[in-house]
Amino acid sequence: MPEVVLGVCGGIAAYKACELLRLFTESGHGVRVVPTASALKFVGAPTWAALSGRPVTTEVWDDVHEVPHVRIGRHAELVVVAPATADMLAKAAHGIADDLLTNTLLTATCPVVYAPAMHTEMWENPATRANVATLRARGAIVIEPAVGRLTGADTGKGRLPDPA
């Protein structure tokens, strides 16, 4: 069974990652969800565990005897971070590893796909654009965000594309 890591960051679009998880599992993939602590404020660990059939944690220190911060990235055939926040893109571009997801990204030897979701101003900010360029130069795939309704009444580029 192909192994996918689904990294989920803290943004309102986290709910769409539930559908992405379902699409992966229905197509025969084993999926390990690695959310950030902020992501769990939007969608809880029980939801991710129920949909994936696997334990969920944000901590490097959970099950430390299994060395998850190295093992998860090494065994994945694909890592998808959806939604990828501006914060996560910055951490990934600069090699910051302060939770299980960022550690997993540093140990992944497979393709990594980022699906950004953030307000238009954040997406268009020169710092974010530079971080995206850095990730792409290193071989990561960064999907262009969709245009549409964002948080609240805001609209613009920065919406997480539909999971399908």
Protein backbone atom coordinates (compact mmCIF):
# COMPACT_ATOMS: atom_id res chain seq x y z
CA MET A 1 0.00 0.00 0.00
CA PRO A 2 1.52 3.39 -0.99
CA GLU A 3 2.25 5.54 2.06
CA VAL A 4 1.28 9.21 2.15
CA VAL A 5 1.93 11.74 4.88
CA LEU A 6 -0.76 14.40 5.06
CA GLY A 7 0.55 17.44 6.89
CA VAL A 8 -2.20 19.78 8.02
CA CYS A 9 -1.53 23.34 9.17
CA GLY A 10 -3.69 25.64 11.25
CA GLY A 11 -6.02 27.52 8.97
CA ILE A 12 -9.71 27.53 8.27
CA ALA A 13 -9.07 25.38 5.17
CA ALA A 14 -8.04 22.47 7.43
CA TYR A 15 -11.56 21.10 7.07
CA LYS A 16 -10.89 20.47 3.36
CA ALA A 17 -8.00 18.20 4.29
CA CYS A 18 -10.56 15.74 5.70
CA GLU A 19 -11.87 15.22 2.17
CA LEU A 20 -8.34 14.92 0.81
CA LEU A 21 -7.63 12.25 3.43
CA ARG A 22 -10.75 10.36 2.40
CA LEU A 23 -9.76 10.54 -1.28
CA PHE A 24 -6.30 9.14 -0.49
CA THR A 25 -7.62 6.27 1.62
CA GLU A 26 -10.38 5.38 -0.85
CA SER A 27 -7.75 5.13 -3.60
CA GLY A 28 -5.78 2.57 -1.58
CA HIS A 29 -3.18 4.74 0.13
CA GLY A 30 -2.13 4.39 3.72
CA VAL A 31 -2.18 7.88 5.21
CA ARG A 32 -0.42 9.20 8.27
CA VAL A 33 -1.87 12.56 9.28
CA VAL A 34 0.66 14.88 10.91
CA PRO A 35 -1.12 18.05 11.98
CA THR A 36 0.38 21.09 13.61
CA ALA A 37 -0.88 22.04 17.06
CA SER A 38 -2.76 24.93 15.44
CA ALA A 39 -4.45 22.57 12.98
CA LEU A 40 -5.97 20.69 15.90
CA LYS A 41 -7.82 23.87 16.88
CA PHE A 42 -9.74 23.56 13.59
CA VAL A 43 -10.09 19.77 13.23
CA GLY A 44 -9.41 17.51 16.21
CA ALA A 45 -7.13 14.50 16.48
CA PRO A 46 -10.07 12.06 16.86
CA THR A 47 -11.35 13.07 13.41
CA TRP A 48 -7.97 12.49 11.80
CA ALA A 49 -7.49 9.17 13.60
CA ALA A 50 -10.97 7.94 12.68
CA LEU A 51 -10.61 8.86 9.01
CA SER A 52 -7.06 7.49 8.66
CA GLY A 53 -7.26 4.53 11.02
CA ARG A 54 -3.93 5.60 12.49
CA PRO A 55 -2.76 7.46 15.59
CA VAL A 56 -2.30 11.22 15.34
CA THR A 57 0.20 13.39 17.15
CA THR A 58 1.94 16.73 16.73
CA GLU A 59 4.78 15.93 19.10
CA VAL A 60 8.29 14.73 18.35
CA TRP A 61 8.35 13.32 21.91
CA ASP A 62 5.37 10.97 21.54
CA ASP A 63 6.44 7.35 20.96
CA VAL A 64 10.05 8.53 20.98
CA HIS A 65 11.31 4.94 21.02
CA GLU A 66 10.00 4.64 17.42
CA VAL A 67 11.88 7.82 16.39
CA PRO A 68 8.82 9.18 14.53
CA HIS A 69 10.48 12.45 13.48
CA VAL A 70 12.79 10.41 11.23
CA ARG A 71 10.77 7.28 10.49
CA ILE A 72 7.66 9.02 9.15
CA GLY A 73 9.53 11.04 6.53
CA ARG A 74 11.76 8.15 5.49
CA HIS A 75 8.88 5.74 4.89
CA ALA A 76 6.59 8.09 2.99
CA GLU A 77 6.20 7.85 -0.77
CA LEU A 78 4.57 11.28 -0.87
CA VAL A 79 4.15 14.16 1.56
CA VAL A 80 1.30 16.59 1.01
CA VAL A 81 0.92 19.66 3.22
CA ALA A 82 -2.63 20.96 2.84
CA PRO A 83 -3.35 23.58 3.87
CA ALA A 84 0.15 25.00 3.96
CA THR A 85 0.17 28.28 5.86
CA ALA A 86 2.59 31.15 5.31
CA ASP A 87 4.23 30.13 8.59
CA MET A 88 4.77 26.56 7.38
CA LEU A 89 6.18 27.69 4.03
CA ALA A 90 8.64 29.92 5.89
CA LYS A 91 9.66 27.14 8.30
CA ALA A 92 10.10 24.65 5.47
CA ALA A 93 12.13 27.09 3.35
CA HIS A 94 14.46 27.82 6.27
CA GLY A 95 14.77 24.32 7.68
CA ILE A 96 13.09 25.08 10.98
CA ALA A 97 12.10 21.88 12.75
CA ASP A 98 10.07 22.66 15.86
CA ASP A 99 7.29 20.05 15.68
CA LEU A 100 6.62 16.64 14.19
CA LEU A 101 5.53 17.97 10.79
CA THR A 102 8.55 20.21 10.25
CA ASN A 103 10.88 17.41 11.37
CA THR A 104 9.11 15.05 8.96
CA LEU A 105 9.62 17.52 6.11
CA LEU A 106 13.37 17.59 6.80
CA THR A 107 13.64 13.80 6.72
CA ALA A 108 11.39 13.17 3.71
CA THR A 109 13.24 11.76 0.70
CA CYS A 110 10.08 11.51 -1.42
CA PRO A 111 8.22 14.19 -3.38
CA VAL A 112 6.74 16.96 -1.22
CA VAL A 113 3.69 18.95 -2.31
CA TYR A 114 2.54 22.14 -0.60
CA ALA A 115 -1.00 23.44 -1.13
CA PRO A 116 -0.97 26.97 0.28
CA ALA A 117 -4.01 28.58 1.84
CA MET A 118 -3.87 32.09 3.28
CA HIS A 119 -5.17 35.59 2.74
CA THR A 120 -4.20 37.25 -0.54
CA GLU A 121 -1.93 39.79 1.14
CA MET A 122 0.00 36.99 2.84
CA TRP A 123 0.33 35.02 -0.42
CA GLU A 124 1.55 38.11 -2.30
CA ASN A 125 3.96 39.24 0.42
CA PRO A 126 7.57 39.28 -0.84
CA ALA A 127 8.68 37.06 2.06
CA THR A 128 6.14 34.37 1.17
CA ARG A 129 6.98 34.63 -2.53
CA ALA A 130 10.69 34.19 -1.70
CA ASN A 131 9.94 31.17 0.50
CA VAL A 132 7.88 29.58 -2.29
CA ALA A 133 10.68 30.23 -4.78
CA THR A 134 13.18 28.59 -2.40
CA LEU A 135 11.01 25.51 -1.96
CA ARG A 136 10.45 25.18 -5.70
CA ALA A 137 14.17 25.58 -6.37
CA ARG A 138 14.76 22.63 -4.03
CA GLY A 139 12.32 20.47 -5.97
CA ALA A 140 9.16 20.84 -3.90
CA ILE A 141 5.87 21.24 -5.71
CA VAL A 142 3.96 24.30 -4.56
CA ILE A 143 0.44 24.41 -5.99
CA GLU A 144 -0.95 27.81 -6.85
CA PRO A 145 -3.81 28.78 -4.54
CA ALA A 146 -7.27 29.23 -5.97
CA VAL A 147 -9.17 32.49 -6.21
CA GLY A 148 -12.39 32.74 -4.25
CA ARG A 149 -13.92 33.26 -0.85
CA LEU A 150 -11.42 33.33 2.00
CA THR A 151 -12.08 33.70 5.73
CA GLY A 152 -15.01 35.94 6.54
CA ALA A 153 -16.20 38.12 3.68
CA ASP A 154 -12.77 38.37 2.05
CA THR A 155 -12.20 37.06 -1.47
CA GLY A 156 -9.06 36.79 -3.56
CA LYS A 157 -6.15 34.51 -4.38
CA GLY A 158 -5.18 32.30 -1.47
CA ARG A 159 -7.96 29.74 -1.24
CA LEU A 160 -7.04 26.07 -0.89
CA PRO A 161 -7.98 24.36 -4.17
CA ASP A 162 -10.73 21.76 -3.94
CA PRO A 163 -9.29 18.42 -2.82
CA ALA A 164 -10.30 16.54 -5.97
